[in-house]
Amino acid sequence: MQRKRHHQGKKKGGNKPPQQKQDGIRLNKYIANSGVCSRREADMYISIGQVAVNGKVINEMGYRVKPGDEVRFDGRRINPEPKAFVLLNKPKGVATTTSESKGLTVMDIIASATQSQVKPFGRLGRNATGLLLFTNDEDFRQKFSKKGISRLFHIELDKNLKAEHLEKIRAGLLVDGKEIHTEEVSYVENAPKKEIGLKIKHTGNSVIRTIFDHLGYNVVRVDCVQLGPLTKKDLPRGRYRHLSPKELELFEML
């Protein structure tokens, strides 16, 4: 009879893994996988109330984290996968949105860059080119979604930009009841006056077409040449690289 109970116990234990998978991952393992500390240390931090899930402090040792839950350790959001920052020099004719099924997307280009589930921060139109940043760091995304990141664009128009229109852009425009302000705007040196340098804090680039459509110009080419402290130096079109610790420090200072 004792053997029978023993076998039943093992059988019962053998049925647990599928249930564990459905129920998520133990909180202490989630914390350990994020690189914060060991599982044993995680248990201690949980017991003293330094861990919160979805805004609620958790003291329960067996608590399980479900997909989509937000876990914070000592007030800082943590993720069980390594934080990754990938910079792509996007080529023309590639979609930024991950939902577009037709043609190549930026996610196809950086597919082998990292195993972390990164997403593009901001957008570039299919025919736009230049710098595009990918990350899985939600704190970074939230911070810069609110305050913005300066992006410098090299823009080519279908005709020369009039000086009076350059000054209007510089002063700020009111388009469809919305104010549009740029940080800098100027003619590109040693180039025709249809080539413009424009620095602006926006996550998308549709605002560029909005500006020039309003003034009667067609945008022929858009190239993001600088993203915050990042430039295209040593990054050919269609190639990507990971950000260095020094570059991440520069973002921390913004």
Foldseek 3Di string as FASTA:
>chain_A
DVVVVVVVVVVVVVPCPVVDVVQAAFPLVFCVLLVPDHSVVSLVQLCVQQKDKQRHRHNDRRDHDDPPIFMGGNNHTTGSHYKFKKKAFAAAQEFQDPPDPPDHHVCVLCVPVDPDPWHWFFGEHRGATEIIMIIPRVVLSVVCQVVFWKWKKWWAWPDADDPVLQVDQQVWDQAPNDIAHWPDKDADPPDGNRIMITIHGDRYCVVVQSSVVVVPIGIDYIYTQDIHPDGCPPHDHSGMDTDDPVVVVSSVVD
